[in-house]
Amino acid sequence: MPGPDGEQTYLWDDYYTMSRDTCIFLPRQRGNKIANWCYRIKVDLDSFNENRNPGTPIQISLNFEPDVADMAALDKAKLDAIKAVAS
């Protein structure tokens, strides 16, 4: 489906009817978009450090696994709380 800028975009399929191939493809596509954003952040930060930062270089971690684990734990805690109230 064309997006507002004419670029090809994709939408998530229905969970109950999507094929396995679609389920593999779509997260990869989103992952590529995340990687592109991370690369842009790195380029911007490297440029700032090289050209405008006289002090210790600013560094960031692009490892989001701890963040994702925290979000998953929070979602599980919320779901457990809902189940406890419902029972």
PDB file of N, CA and C in Angstrom:
ATOM      1  N   MET A   1       0.848  -1.174   0.000  1.00  0.00           N
ATOM      2  CA  MET A   1       0.000   0.000   0.000  1.00  0.00           C
ATOM      3  C   MET A   1       0.893   1.237   0.000  1.00  0.00           C
ATOM      4  N   PRO A   2       0.699   2.184  -0.921  1.00  0.00           N
ATOM      5  CA  PRO A   2       1.527   3.387  -0.943  1.00  0.00           C
ATOM      6  C   PRO A   2       1.223   4.292   0.239  1.00  0.00           C
ATOM      7  N   GLY A   3       2.290   4.824   0.854  1.00  0.00           N
ATOM      8  CA  GLY A   3       2.140   5.764   1.954  1.00  0.00           C
ATOM      9  C   GLY A   3       1.975   7.177   1.420  1.00  0.00           C
ATOM     10  N   PRO A   4       1.923   8.177   2.325  1.00  0.00           N
ATOM     11  CA  PRO A   4       1.703   9.556   1.902  1.00  0.00           C
ATOM     12  C   PRO A   4       2.812  10.107   1.010  1.00  0.00           C
ATOM     13  N   ASP A   5       4.017   9.557   1.135  1.00  0.00           N
ATOM     14  CA  ASP A   5       5.126  10.037   0.312  1.00  0.00           C
ATOM     15  C   ASP A   5       5.330   9.167  -0.932  1.00  0.00           C
ATOM     16  N   GLY A   6       4.388   8.276  -1.201  1.00  0.00           N
ATOM     17  CA  GLY A   6       4.481   7.404  -2.359  1.00  0.00           C
ATOM     18  C   GLY A   6       5.315   6.162  -2.138  1.00  0.00           C
ATOM     19  N   GLU A   7       5.944   6.043  -0.965  1.00  0.00           N
ATOM     20  CA  GLU A   7       6.784   4.891  -0.660  1.00  0.00           C
ATOM     21  C   GLU A   7       5.904   3.706  -0.262  1.00  0.00           C
ATOM     22  N   GLN A   8       6.350   2.512  -0.627  1.00  0.00           N
ATOM     23  CA  GLN A   8       5.608   1.304  -0.288  1.00  0.00           C
ATOM     24  C   GLN A   8       5.577   1.102   1.219  1.00  0.00           C
ATOM     25  N   THR A   9       4.411   0.854   1.780  1.00  0.00           N
ATOM     26  CA  THR A   9       4.275   0.560   3.198  1.00  0.00           C
ATOM     27  C   THR A   9       3.502  -0.735   3.347  1.00  0.00           C
ATOM     28  N   TYR A  10       3.572  -1.306   4.537  1.00  0.00           N
ATOM     29  CA  TYR A  10       2.877  -2.555   4.797  1.00  0.00           C
ATOM     30  C   TYR A  10       2.066  -2.421   6.076  1.00  0.00           C
ATOM     31  N   LEU A  11       0.969  -3.117   6.133  1.00  0.00           N
ATOM     32  CA  LEU A  11       0.128  -3.122   7.315  1.00  0.00           C
ATOM     33  C   LEU A  11       0.158  -4.511   7.922  1.00  0.00           C
ATOM     34  N   TRP A  12      -0.065  -4.568   9.225  1.00  0.00           N
ATOM     35  CA  TRP A  12      -0.152  -5.864   9.876  1.00  0.00           C
ATOM     36  C   TRP A  12      -1.400  -6.584   9.399  1.00  0.00           C
ATOM     37  N   ASP A  13      -1.278  -7.866   9.262  1.00  0.00           N
ATOM     38  CA  ASP A  13      -2.380  -8.717   8.857  1.00  0.00           C
ATOM     39  C   ASP A  13      -3.169  -9.107  10.109  1.00  0.00           C
ATOM     40  N   ASP A  14      -4.309  -9.686   9.912  1.00  0.00           N
ATOM     41  CA  ASP A  14      -5.099 -10.171  11.029  1.00  0.00           C
ATOM     42  C   ASP A  14      -4.391 -11.363  11.672  1.00  0.00           C
ATOM     43  N   TYR A  15      -4.250 -11.321  12.972  1.00  0.00           N
ATOM     44  CA  TYR A  15      -3.542 -12.353  13.727  1.00  0.00           C
ATOM     45  C   TYR A  15      -4.083 -13.749  13.435  1.00  0.00           C
ATOM     46  N   TYR A  16      -5.377 -13.880  13.281  1.00  0.00           N
ATOM     47  CA  TYR A  16      -6.001 -15.195  13.123  1.00  0.00           C
ATOM     48  C   TYR A  16      -5.941 -15.729  11.696  1.00  0.00           C
ATOM     49  N   THR A  17      -5.635 -14.875  10.731  1.00  0.00           N
ATOM     50  CA  THR A  17      -5.636 -15.340   9.347  1.00  0.00           C
ATOM     51  C   THR A  17      -4.293 -15.174   8.639  1.00  0.00           C
ATOM     52  N   MET A  18      -3.332 -14.486   9.258  1.00  0.00           N
ATOM     53  CA  MET A  18      -2.065 -14.240   8.558  1.00  0.00           C
ATOM     54  C   MET A  18      -1.280 -15.532   8.381  1.00  0.00           C
ATOM     55  N   SER A  19      -0.511 -15.549   7.311  1.00  0.00           N
ATOM     56  CA  SER A  19       0.327 -16.710   7.043  1.00  0.00           C
ATOM     57  C   SER A  19       1.606 -16.638   7.876  1.00  0.00           C
ATOM     58  N   ARG A  20       2.274 -17.754   7.987  1.00  0.00           N
ATOM     59  CA  ARG A  20       3.543 -17.794   8.721  1.00  0.00           C
ATOM     60  C   ARG A  20       4.574 -16.894   8.046  1.00  0.00           C
ATOM     61  N   ASP A  21       4.594 -16.906   6.708  1.00  0.00           N
ATOM     62  CA  ASP A  21       5.545 -16.058   5.977  1.00  0.00           C
ATOM     63  C   ASP A  21       5.332 -14.578   6.296  1.00  0.00           C
ATOM     64  N   THR A  22       4.061 -14.169   6.362  1.00  0.00           N
ATOM     65  CA  THR A  22       3.762 -12.781   6.717  1.00  0.00           C
ATOM     66  C   THR A  22       4.222 -12.487   8.134  1.00  0.00           C
ATOM     67  N   CYS A  23       3.996 -13.421   9.029  1.00  0.00           N
ATOM     68  CA  CYS A  23       4.378 -13.236  10.430  1.00  0.00           C
ATOM     69  C   CYS A  23       5.895 -13.152  10.578  1.00  0.00           C
ATOM     70  N   ILE A  24       6.640 -13.763   9.702  1.00  0.00           N
ATOM     71  CA  ILE A  24       8.107 -13.663   9.718  1.00  0.00           C
ATOM     72  C   ILE A  24       8.554 -12.355   9.075  1.00  0.00           C
ATOM     73  N   PHE A  25       7.931 -11.965   7.981  1.00  0.00           N
ATOM     74  CA  PHE A  25       8.346 -10.797   7.215  1.00  0.00           C
ATOM     75  C   PHE A  25       8.113  -9.479   7.958  1.00  0.00           C
ATOM     76  N   LEU A  26       6.955  -9.298   8.540  1.00  0.00           N
ATOM     77  CA  LEU A  26       6.611  -8.005   9.116  1.00  0.00           C
ATOM     78  C   LEU A  26       7.508  -7.586  10.278  1.00  0.00           C
ATOM     79  N   PRO A  27       7.829  -8.456  11.225  1.00  0.00           N
ATOM     80  CA  PRO A  27       8.769  -8.026  12.269  1.00  0.00           C
ATOM     81  C   PRO A  27      10.146  -7.673  11.721  1.00  0.00           C
ATOM     82  N   ARG A  28      10.583  -8.390  10.705  1.00  0.00           N
ATOM     83  CA  ARG A  28      11.874  -8.057  10.083  1.00  0.00           C
ATOM     84  C   ARG A  28      11.828  -6.659   9.488  1.00  0.00           C
ATOM     85  N   GLN A  29      10.718  -6.334   8.839  1.00  0.00           N
ATOM     86  CA  GLN A  29      10.585  -5.009   8.239  1.00  0.00           C
ATOM     87  C   GLN A  29      10.621  -3.934   9.330  1.00  0.00           C
ATOM     88  N   ARG A  30       9.893  -4.144  10.412  1.00  0.00           N
ATOM     89  CA  ARG A  30       9.921  -3.184  11.512  1.00  0.00           C
ATOM     90  C   ARG A  30      11.318  -3.104  12.119  1.00  0.00           C
ATOM     91  N   GLY A  31      11.981  -4.243  12.225  1.00  0.00           N
ATOM     92  CA  GLY A  31      13.345  -4.252  12.749  1.00  0.00           C
ATOM     93  C   GLY A  31      14.285  -3.429  11.886  1.00  0.00           C
ATOM     94  N   ASN A  32      14.103  -3.510  10.562  1.00  0.00           N
ATOM     95  CA  ASN A  32      14.925  -2.696   9.661  1.00  0.00           C
ATOM     96  C   ASN A  32      14.684  -1.213   9.892  1.00  0.00           C
ATOM     97  N   LYS A  33      13.443  -0.843  10.132  1.00  0.00           N
ATOM     98  CA  LYS A  33      13.141   0.569  10.399  1.00  0.00           C
ATOM     99  C   LYS A  33      13.799   1.018  11.704  1.00  0.00           C
ATOM    100  N   ILE A  34      13.743   0.173  12.723  1.00  0.00           N
ATOM    101  CA  ILE A  34      14.385   0.495  13.998  1.00  0.00           C
ATOM    102  C   ILE A  34      15.892   0.634  13.794  1.00  0.00           C
ATOM    103  N   ALA A  35      16.479  -0.292  13.037  1.00  0.00           N
ATOM    104  CA  ALA A  35      17.923  -0.228  12.776  1.00  0.00           C
ATOM    105  C   ALA A  35      18.289   1.054  12.041  1.00  0.00           C
ATOM    106  N   ASN A  36      17.454   1.481  11.100  1.00  0.00           N
ATOM    107  CA  ASN A  36      17.714   2.730  10.382  1.00  0.00           C
ATOM    108  C   ASN A  36      17.679   3.923  11.333  1.00  0.00           C
ATOM    109  N   TRP A  37      16.708   3.958  12.238  1.00  0.00           N
ATOM    110  CA  TRP A  37      16.639   5.043  13.224  1.00  0.00           C
ATOM    111  C   TRP A  37      17.867   5.023  14.124  1.00  0.00           C
ATOM    112  N   CYS A  38      18.265   3.857  14.576  1.00  0.00           N
ATOM    113  CA  CYS A  38      19.452   3.751  15.437  1.00  0.00           C
ATOM    114  C   CYS A  38      20.704   4.224  14.703  1.00  0.00           C
ATOM    115  N   TYR A  39      20.812   3.869  13.445  1.00  0.00           N
ATOM    116  CA  TYR A  39      21.957   4.312  12.665  1.00  0.00           C
ATOM    117  C   TYR A  39      21.973   5.833  12.547  1.00  0.00           C
ATOM    118  N   ARG A  40      20.830   6.437  12.287  1.00  0.00           N
ATOM    119  CA  ARG A  40      20.756   7.900  12.185  1.00  0.00           C
ATOM    120  C   ARG A  40      21.155   8.545  13.514  1.00  0.00           C
ATOM    121  N   ILE A  41      20.681   7.990  14.624  1.00  0.00           N
ATOM    122  CA  ILE A  41      21.049   8.517  15.941  1.00  0.00           C
ATOM    123  C   ILE A  41      22.563   8.427  16.126  1.00  0.00           C
ATOM    124  N   LYS A  42      23.141   7.286  15.746  1.00  0.00           N
ATOM    125  CA  LYS A  42      24.590   7.105  15.883  1.00  0.00           C
ATOM    126  C   LYS A  42      25.349   8.112  15.032  1.00  0.00           C
ATOM    127  N   VAL A  43      24.936   8.300  13.791  1.00  0.00           N
ATOM    128  CA  VAL A  43      25.601   9.253  12.907  1.00  0.00           C
ATOM    129  C   VAL A  43      25.515  10.664  13.488  1.00  0.00           C
ATOM    130  N   ASP A  44      24.321  11.054  13.956  1.00  0.00           N
ATOM    131  CA  ASP A  44      24.142  12.386  14.549  1.00  0.00           C
ATOM    132  C   ASP A  44      25.025  12.565  15.770  1.00  0.00           C
ATOM    133  N   LEU A  45      25.047  11.568  16.634  1.00  0.00           N
ATOM    134  CA  LEU A  45      25.843  11.659  17.863  1.00  0.00           C
ATOM    135  C   LEU A  45      27.339  11.660  17.553  1.00  0.00           C
ATOM    136  N   ASP A  46      27.762  10.822  16.628  1.00  0.00           N
ATOM    137  CA  ASP A  46      29.177  10.818  16.226  1.00  0.00           C
ATOM    138  C   ASP A  46      29.582  12.177  15.668  1.00  0.00           C
ATOM    139  N   SER A  47      28.726  12.765  14.856  1.00  0.00           N
ATOM    140  CA  SER A  47      29.017  14.074  14.277  1.00  0.00           C
ATOM    141  C   SER A  47      29.099  15.136  15.366  1.00  0.00           C
ATOM    142  N   PHE A  48      28.152  15.105  16.298  1.00  0.00           N
ATOM    143  CA  PHE A  48      28.189  16.074  17.396  1.00  0.00           C
ATOM    144  C   PHE A  48      29.466  15.914  18.207  1.00  0.00           C
ATOM    145  N   ASN A  49      29.790  14.676  18.561  1.00  0.00           N
ATOM    146  CA  ASN A  49      31.003  14.432  19.349  1.00  0.00           C
ATOM    147  C   ASN A  49      32.256  14.914  18.621  1.00  0.00           C
ATOM    148  N   GLU A  50      32.298  14.692  17.314  1.00  0.00           N
ATOM    149  CA  GLU A  50      33.479  15.061  16.540  1.00  0.00           C
ATOM    150  C   GLU A  50      33.578  16.574  16.309  1.00  0.00           C
ATOM    151  N   ASN A  51      32.449  17.227  16.121  1.00  0.00           N
ATOM    152  CA  ASN A  51      32.472  18.624  15.679  1.00  0.00           C
ATOM    153  C   ASN A  51      32.074  19.660  16.737  1.00  0.00           C
ATOM    154  N   ARG A  52      31.328  19.264  17.753  1.00  0.00           N
ATOM    155  CA  ARG A  52      30.778  20.252  18.668  1.00  0.00           C
ATOM    156  C   ARG A  52      31.000  19.956  20.144  1.00  0.00           C
ATOM    157  N   ASN A  53      31.511  18.778  20.458  1.00  0.00           N
ATOM    158  CA  ASN A  53      31.631  18.365  21.850  1.00  0.00           C
ATOM    159  C   ASN A  53      33.102  18.363  22.263  1.00  0.00           C
ATOM    160  N   PRO A  54      33.520  19.361  23.051  1.00  0.00           N
ATOM    161  CA  PRO A  54      34.926  19.407  23.457  1.00  0.00           C
ATOM    162  C   PRO A  54      35.252  18.464  24.618  1.00  0.00           C
ATOM    163  N   GLY A  55      34.238  17.931  25.271  1.00  0.00           N
ATOM    164  CA  GLY A  55      34.457  17.084  26.442  1.00  0.00           C
ATOM    165  C   GLY A  55      34.451  15.608  26.102  1.00  0.00           C
ATOM    166  N   THR A  56      34.152  14.822  27.101  1.00  0.00           N
ATOM    167  CA  THR A  56      34.063  13.372  26.937  1.00  0.00           C
ATOM    168  C   THR A  56      32.970  13.049  25.920  1.00  0.00           C
ATOM    169  N   PRO A  57      33.251  12.186  24.953  1.00  0.00           N
ATOM    170  CA  PRO A  57      32.233  11.849  23.952  1.00  0.00           C
ATOM    171  C   PRO A  57      30.973  11.278  24.602  1.00  0.00           C
ATOM    172  N   ILE A  58      29.832  11.727  24.104  1.00  0.00           N
ATOM    173  CA  ILE A  58      28.546  11.194  24.553  1.00  0.00           C
ATOM    174  C   ILE A  58      28.374   9.835  23.898  1.00  0.00           C
ATOM    175  N   GLN A  59      27.987   8.844  24.702  1.00  0.00           N
ATOM    176  CA  GLN A  59      27.779   7.499  24.175  1.00  0.00           C
ATOM    177  C   GLN A  59      26.397   7.018  24.579  1.00  0.00           C
ATOM    178  N   ILE A  60      25.800   6.220  23.730  1.00  0.00           N
ATOM    179  CA  ILE A  60      24.519   5.595  24.044  1.00  0.00           C
ATOM    180  C   ILE A  60      24.611   4.113  23.698  1.00  0.00           C
ATOM    181  N   SER A  61      23.788   3.337  24.355  1.00  0.00           N
ATOM    182  CA  SER A  61      23.713   1.916  24.035  1.00  0.00           C
ATOM    183  C   SER A  61      22.569   1.701  23.056  1.00  0.00           C
ATOM    184  N   LEU A  62      22.824   0.929  22.037  1.00  0.00           N
ATOM    185  CA  LEU A  62      21.774   0.572  21.099  1.00  0.00           C
ATOM    186  C   LEU A  62      21.260  -0.844  21.364  1.00  0.00           C
ATOM    187  N   ASN A  63      21.587  -1.385  22.530  1.00  0.00           N
ATOM    188  CA  ASN A  63      21.085  -2.689  22.950  1.00  0.00           C
ATOM    189  C   ASN A  63      19.801  -2.451  23.745  1.00  0.00           C
ATOM    190  N   PHE A  64      18.680  -2.792  23.149  1.00  0.00           N
ATOM    191  CA  PHE A  64      17.388  -2.545  23.777  1.00  0.00           C
ATOM    192  C   PHE A  64      16.807  -3.781  24.463  1.00  0.00           C
ATOM    193  N   GLU A  65      17.589  -4.857  24.537  1.00  0.00           N
ATOM    194  CA  GLU A  65      17.076  -6.075  25.161  1.00  0.00           C
ATOM    195  C   GLU A  65      16.631  -5.853  26.607  1.00  0.00           C
ATOM    196  N   PRO A  66      17.392  -5.122  27.443  1.00  0.00           N
ATOM    197  CA  PRO A  66      16.907  -4.884  28.816  1.00  0.00           C
ATOM    198  C   PRO A  66      15.596  -4.089  28.839  1.00  0.00           C
ATOM    199  N   ASP A  67      15.449  -3.135  27.946  1.00  0.00           N
ATOM    200  CA  ASP A  67      14.207  -2.349  27.882  1.00  0.00           C
ATOM    201  C   ASP A  67      13.023  -3.225  27.489  1.00  0.00           C
ATOM    202  N   VAL A  68      13.245  -4.081  26.498  1.00  0.00           N
ATOM    203  CA  VAL A  68      12.181  -4.975  26.042  1.00  0.00           C
ATOM    204  C   VAL A  68      11.804  -5.952  27.155  1.00  0.00           C
ATOM    205  N   ALA A  69      12.798  -6.463  27.879  1.00  0.00           N
ATOM    206  CA  ALA A  69      12.521  -7.384  28.990  1.00  0.00           C
ATOM    207  C   ALA A  69      11.720  -6.674  30.082  1.00  0.00           C
ATOM    208  N   ASP A  70      12.059  -5.422  30.381  1.00  0.00           N
ATOM    209  CA  ASP A  70      11.303  -4.657  31.376  1.00  0.00           C
ATOM    210  C   ASP A  70       9.852  -4.459  30.937  1.00  0.00           C
ATOM    211  N   MET A  71       9.651  -4.128  29.664  1.00  0.00           N
ATOM    212  CA  MET A  71       8.290  -3.933  29.148  1.00  0.00           C
ATOM    213  C   MET A  71       7.488  -5.225  29.203  1.00  0.00           C
ATOM    214  N   ALA A  72       8.131  -6.335  28.860  1.00  0.00           N
ATOM    215  CA  ALA A  72       7.445  -7.634  28.899  1.00  0.00           C
ATOM    216  C   ALA A  72       7.062  -7.987  30.331  1.00  0.00           C
ATOM    217  N   ALA A  73       7.954  -7.714  31.282  1.00  0.00           N
ATOM    218  CA  ALA A  73       7.647  -7.999  32.692  1.00  0.00           C
ATOM    219  C   ALA A  73       6.485  -7.136  33.178  1.00  0.00           C
ATOM    220  N   LEU A  74       6.458  -5.881  32.759  1.00  0.00           N
ATOM    221  CA  LEU A  74       5.367  -4.988  33.145  1.00  0.00           C
ATOM    222  C   LEU A  74       4.049  -5.461  32.540  1.00  0.00           C
ATOM    223  N   ASP A  75       4.065  -5.852  31.277  1.00  0.00           N
ATOM    224  CA  ASP A  75       2.846  -6.386  30.645  1.00  0.00           C
ATOM    225  C   ASP A  75       2.352  -7.625  31.371  1.00  0.00           C
ATOM    226  N   LYS A  76       3.272  -8.516  31.746  1.00  0.00           N
ATOM    227  CA  LYS A  76       2.878  -9.734  32.463  1.00  0.00           C
ATOM    228  C   LYS A  76       2.280  -9.387  33.812  1.00  0.00           C
ATOM    229  N   ALA A  77       2.878  -8.434  34.515  1.00  0.00           N
ATOM    230  CA  ALA A  77       2.351  -8.032  35.826  1.00  0.00           C
ATOM    231  C   ALA A  77       0.950  -7.446  35.678  1.00  0.00           C
ATOM    232  N   LYS A  78       0.734  -6.643  34.649  1.00  0.00           N
ATOM    233  CA  LYS A  78      -0.599  -6.071  34.416  1.00  0.00           C
ATOM    234  C   LYS A  78      -1.610  -7.165  34.110  1.00  0.00           C
ATOM    235  N   LEU A  79      -1.235  -8.114  33.260  1.00  0.00           N
ATOM    236  CA  LEU A  79      -2.130  -9.212  32.912  1.00  0.00           C
ATOM    237  C   LEU A  79      -2.442 -10.055  34.146  1.00  0.00           C
ATOM    238  N   ASP A  80      -1.430 -10.346  34.964  1.00  0.00           N
ATOM    239  CA  ASP A  80      -1.664 -11.111  36.194  1.00  0.00           C
ATOM    240  C   ASP A  80      -2.615 -10.373  37.125  1.00  0.00           C
ATOM    241  N   ALA A  81      -2.479  -9.043  37.230  1.00  0.00           N
ATOM    242  CA  ALA A  81      -3.368  -8.253  38.078  1.00  0.00           C
ATOM    243  C   ALA A  81      -4.801  -8.296  37.568  1.00  0.00           C
ATOM    244  N   ILE A  82      -4.962  -8.222  36.250  1.00  0.00           N
ATOM    245  CA  ILE A  82      -6.311  -8.299  35.661  1.00  0.00           C
ATOM    246  C   ILE A  82      -6.920  -9.656  35.926  1.00  0.00           C
ATOM    247  N   LYS A  83      -6.149 -10.715  35.759  1.00  0.00           N
ATOM    248  CA  LYS A  83      -6.641 -12.075  36.009  1.00  0.00           C
ATOM    249  C   LYS A  83      -7.028 -12.245  37.473  1.00  0.00           C
ATOM    250  N   ALA A  84      -6.252 -11.672  38.389  1.00  0.00           N
ATOM    251  CA  ALA A  84      -6.552 -11.787  39.818  1.00  0.00           C
ATOM    252  C   ALA A  84      -7.855 -11.093  40.159  1.00  0.00           C
ATOM    253  N   VAL A  85      -8.121  -9.946  39.552  1.00  0.00           N
ATOM    254  CA  VAL A  85      -9.359  -9.221  39.802  1.00  0.00           C
ATOM    255  C   VAL A  85     -10.554  -9.965  39.209  1.00  0.00           C
ATOM    256  N   ALA A  86     -10.346 -10.590  38.051  1.00  0.00           N
ATOM    257  CA  ALA A  86     -11.433 -11.296  37.380  1.00  0.00           C
ATOM    258  C   ALA A  86     -11.814 -12.598  38.059  1.00  0.00           C
ATOM    259  N   SER A  87     -10.902 -13.154  38.844  1.00  0.00           N
ATOM    260  CA  SER A  87     -11.216 -14.463  39.457  1.00  0.00           C
ATOM    261  C   SER A  87     -11.788 -14.337  40.832  1.00  0.00           C
TER     262      SER A  87
END
